[in-house]
Amino acid sequence: MARTQGSRAAITGPLIREKSLRLFARHGYAAVSMRQIAADVGVQAGALYAYTQDKQALLADLMIDHMDRLLAAWSDDLSLPPLDRLERFARFHIAYSLDNADAVFLSYMELRNLSPENHAAVSALRRAYEESLSAILRDGQAAGVMTVPDTRLAAMALIAMLTGVTNWYREGGRLDRKRVADIYWDLARGAVGA
């Protein structure tokens, strides 16, 4: 069916994604209905299906988009020493996570609700990001400036620690973002024996 003249697809599509992300992050995927999303957007529930196949496809799209944007935003600088690269990663991850807290929360808490195919797609993107940190840790060990008993486990533990900032940090709180990043960097450095 053709879209009527004056339709606002360029507005409605992104609004559906924005409202879905917020609702899923606040209430959990299982607790949010398509009707609830439609009401938040201000459209009839049936209108959502012009933008997504179903709620599962919407969840997967949000999570894949988050991981694609995260991977596109991060770039390792192999010319730097491993400790400098680790510091860049830690500061980047904290800043990106705080700027995208709902997407980060969804990416970690709602994996269990993905279909097997969507889970595999999101997991592959997550592994690519984890591997970028693992490479830094391997290079740090090879240079003799880091010590970790298991590189993959250390990478996942560091990412979990850095991501945890989204659970408690509030703008205008006791610590500003720079101070939080400084403290987390000290913790990350200690975690790798540097």
Protein backbone atom coordinates (compact mmCIF):
# COMPACT_ATOMS: atom_id res chain seq x y z
CA MET A 1 0.00 0.00 0.00
CA ALA A 2 1.33 3.42 -0.91
CA ARG A 3 2.10 5.89 1.81
CA THR A 4 -0.24 8.88 1.88
CA GLN A 5 1.06 12.28 0.91
CA GLY A 6 2.40 14.18 3.90
CA SER A 7 3.24 10.99 5.80
CA ARG A 8 6.02 11.36 8.32
CA ALA A 9 7.95 8.10 7.88
CA ALA A 10 11.25 9.91 8.43
CA ILE A 11 9.96 10.96 11.84
CA THR A 12 7.85 7.97 12.85
CA GLY A 13 10.47 5.27 12.23
CA PRO A 14 13.15 6.86 14.40
CA LEU A 15 10.55 7.75 17.03
CA ILE A 16 9.44 4.11 17.23
CA ARG A 17 13.07 3.07 17.79
CA GLU A 18 13.64 5.78 20.40
CA LYS A 19 10.46 5.01 22.36
CA SER A 20 11.00 1.24 22.11
CA LEU A 21 14.55 1.56 23.40
CA ARG A 22 13.42 3.66 26.35
CA LEU A 23 10.49 1.37 27.21
CA PHE A 24 12.55 -1.83 26.89
CA ALA A 25 15.32 -0.36 29.04
CA ARG A 26 12.92 0.91 31.72
CA HIS A 27 10.45 -1.97 31.93
CA GLY A 28 12.12 -4.92 30.25
CA TYR A 29 11.41 -6.40 26.85
CA ALA A 30 8.90 -8.98 28.11
CA ALA A 31 6.84 -6.37 29.94
CA VAL A 32 6.44 -4.02 26.97
CA SER A 33 3.74 -4.61 24.36
CA MET A 34 3.52 -3.31 20.84
CA ARG A 35 0.37 -1.45 21.93
CA GLN A 36 2.39 0.30 24.65
CA ILE A 37 5.04 1.32 22.13
CA ALA A 38 2.37 2.58 19.73
CA ALA A 39 0.70 4.60 22.48
CA ASP A 40 4.04 6.18 23.42
CA VAL A 41 4.72 7.06 19.79
CA GLY A 42 1.18 8.29 19.21
CA VAL A 43 0.16 5.88 16.45
CA GLN A 44 -2.16 2.88 16.18
CA ALA A 45 -0.53 -0.45 17.06
CA GLY A 46 -0.98 -1.70 13.49
CA ALA A 47 1.08 1.20 12.18
CA LEU A 48 4.18 -0.20 13.88
CA TYR A 49 4.23 -3.13 11.46
CA ALA A 50 5.02 -0.76 8.61
CA TYR A 51 8.36 -0.22 10.37
CA THR A 52 9.16 -3.60 11.92
CA GLN A 53 8.15 -7.22 11.42
CA ASP A 54 7.42 -7.77 15.11
CA LYS A 55 8.68 -7.00 18.62
CA GLN A 56 11.52 -9.55 18.33
CA ALA A 57 12.77 -7.92 15.12
CA LEU A 58 12.58 -4.52 16.81
CA LEU A 59 14.65 -5.73 19.78
CA ALA A 60 17.25 -7.34 17.51
CA ASP A 61 17.44 -4.24 15.33
CA LEU A 62 18.02 -2.01 18.36
CA MET A 63 20.75 -4.28 19.72
CA ILE A 64 22.50 -4.79 16.38
CA ASP A 65 22.39 -1.06 15.69
CA HIS A 66 23.92 -0.36 19.10
CA MET A 67 26.76 -2.81 18.50
CA ASP A 68 27.36 -1.51 14.95
CA ARG A 69 27.59 2.06 16.27
CA LEU A 70 29.88 0.99 19.13
CA LEU A 71 32.22 -0.84 16.77
CA ALA A 72 32.22 2.09 14.35
CA ALA A 73 33.01 4.56 17.13
CA TRP A 74 35.94 2.59 18.60
CA SER A 75 39.30 2.44 16.89
CA ASP A 76 42.47 1.10 18.42
CA ASP A 77 45.73 2.92 17.73
CA LEU A 78 48.30 0.17 17.27
CA SER A 79 51.12 2.71 17.21
CA LEU A 80 50.63 3.41 20.93
CA PRO A 81 52.08 1.35 23.78
CA PRO A 82 49.64 -1.26 25.16
CA LEU A 83 48.97 0.61 28.42
CA ASP A 84 48.06 3.77 26.50
CA ARG A 85 45.75 1.70 24.29
CA LEU A 86 44.11 0.17 27.36
CA GLU A 87 43.59 3.62 28.86
CA ARG A 88 42.03 4.84 25.60
CA PHE A 89 39.73 1.82 25.58
CA ALA A 90 38.66 2.31 29.21
CA ARG A 91 37.93 6.02 28.78
CA PHE A 92 36.16 5.42 25.46
CA HIS A 93 33.99 2.64 26.87
CA ILE A 94 32.92 4.69 29.88
CA ALA A 95 32.07 7.76 27.81
CA TYR A 96 30.23 5.77 25.15
CA SER A 97 28.32 3.80 27.77
CA LEU A 98 27.22 6.91 29.65
CA ASP A 99 26.15 8.60 26.41
CA ASN A 100 24.14 5.52 25.37
CA ALA A 101 23.02 4.09 28.72
CA ASP A 102 19.67 2.71 27.56
CA ALA A 103 21.20 0.95 24.54
CA VAL A 104 24.00 -0.46 26.72
CA PHE A 105 21.51 -1.71 29.29
CA LEU A 106 19.38 -3.33 26.62
CA SER A 107 22.41 -4.94 25.00
CA TYR A 108 23.42 -6.63 28.23
CA MET A 109 20.12 -7.40 29.92
CA GLU A 110 17.95 -8.53 27.03
CA LEU A 111 20.21 -11.01 25.21
CA ARG A 112 18.15 -13.77 26.79
CA ASN A 113 15.06 -12.59 24.90
CA LEU A 114 16.59 -12.85 21.44
CA SER A 115 15.73 -15.67 19.08
CA PRO A 116 18.67 -18.03 18.43
CA GLU A 117 19.42 -16.38 15.08
CA ASN A 118 19.30 -12.86 16.49
CA HIS A 119 21.31 -13.94 19.54
CA ALA A 120 24.02 -15.29 17.24
CA ALA A 121 24.14 -12.03 15.26
CA VAL A 122 24.41 -9.84 18.37
CA SER A 123 26.91 -12.20 20.02
CA ALA A 124 29.18 -12.07 16.97
CA LEU A 125 29.27 -8.27 17.17
CA ARG A 126 29.94 -8.40 20.91
CA ARG A 127 32.81 -10.84 20.36
CA ALA A 128 34.35 -8.47 17.81
CA TYR A 129 34.33 -5.68 20.38
CA GLU A 130 35.66 -7.96 23.14
CA GLU A 131 38.39 -9.13 20.78
CA SER A 132 39.62 -5.57 20.32
CA LEU A 133 40.27 -5.41 24.06
CA SER A 134 41.73 -8.93 24.11
CA ALA A 135 44.24 -7.82 21.47
CA ILE A 136 45.35 -4.96 23.70
CA LEU A 137 45.76 -7.34 26.64
CA ARG A 138 47.74 -9.84 24.55
CA ASP A 139 50.02 -7.07 23.32
CA GLY A 140 50.44 -5.83 26.90
CA GLN A 141 51.46 -9.29 28.05
CA ALA A 142 53.85 -9.69 25.13
CA ALA A 143 55.43 -6.34 26.05
CA GLY A 144 55.72 -7.44 29.68
CA VAL A 145 53.57 -4.59 31.01
CA MET A 146 50.40 -6.57 31.81
CA THR A 147 49.70 -9.86 33.53
CA VAL A 148 46.35 -11.64 33.24
CA PRO A 149 45.73 -15.36 33.75
CA ASP A 150 43.15 -15.60 30.93
CA THR A 151 42.96 -12.91 28.27
CA ARG A 152 39.36 -13.49 27.16
CA LEU A 153 38.07 -13.65 30.72
CA ALA A 154 40.02 -10.52 31.64
CA ALA A 155 38.57 -8.68 28.64
CA MET A 156 35.01 -9.63 29.57
CA ALA A 157 35.60 -8.73 33.23
CA LEU A 158 37.04 -5.33 32.31
CA ILE A 159 34.14 -4.58 29.96
CA ALA A 160 31.65 -5.60 32.65
CA MET A 161 33.39 -3.36 35.19
CA LEU A 162 33.51 -0.39 32.81
CA THR A 163 29.90 -0.89 31.72
CA GLY A 164 28.79 -0.99 35.36
CA VAL A 165 29.20 2.77 35.56
CA THR A 166 25.83 3.09 33.80
CA ASN A 167 24.10 1.53 36.81
CA TRP A 168 25.03 4.22 39.30
CA TYR A 169 26.44 7.32 37.61
CA ARG A 170 24.25 10.41 37.55
CA GLU A 171 25.16 13.75 35.95
CA GLY A 172 25.65 16.39 38.63
CA GLY A 173 26.53 13.79 41.26
CA ARG A 174 29.50 13.69 43.58
CA LEU A 175 31.95 12.75 40.81
CA ASP A 176 32.09 14.23 37.33
CA ARG A 177 32.72 12.08 34.27
CA LYS A 178 36.43 12.86 34.12
CA ARG A 179 37.00 11.86 37.73
CA VAL A 180 35.00 8.67 37.25
CA ALA A 181 37.07 7.81 34.16
CA ASP A 182 40.30 8.51 36.09
CA ILE A 183 39.27 6.16 38.91
CA TYR A 184 38.11 3.44 36.53
CA TRP A 185 41.37 3.72 34.62
CA ASP A 186 43.30 3.14 37.86
CA LEU A 187 41.10 0.11 38.56
CA ALA A 188 41.58 -1.27 35.03
CA ARG A 189 45.37 -0.79 35.24
CA GLY A 190 45.43 -2.64 38.55
CA ALA A 191 43.27 -5.44 37.15
CA VAL A 192 45.90 -6.20 34.50
CA GLY A 193 48.79 -6.06 36.94
CA ALA A 194 50.26 -2.85 35.55
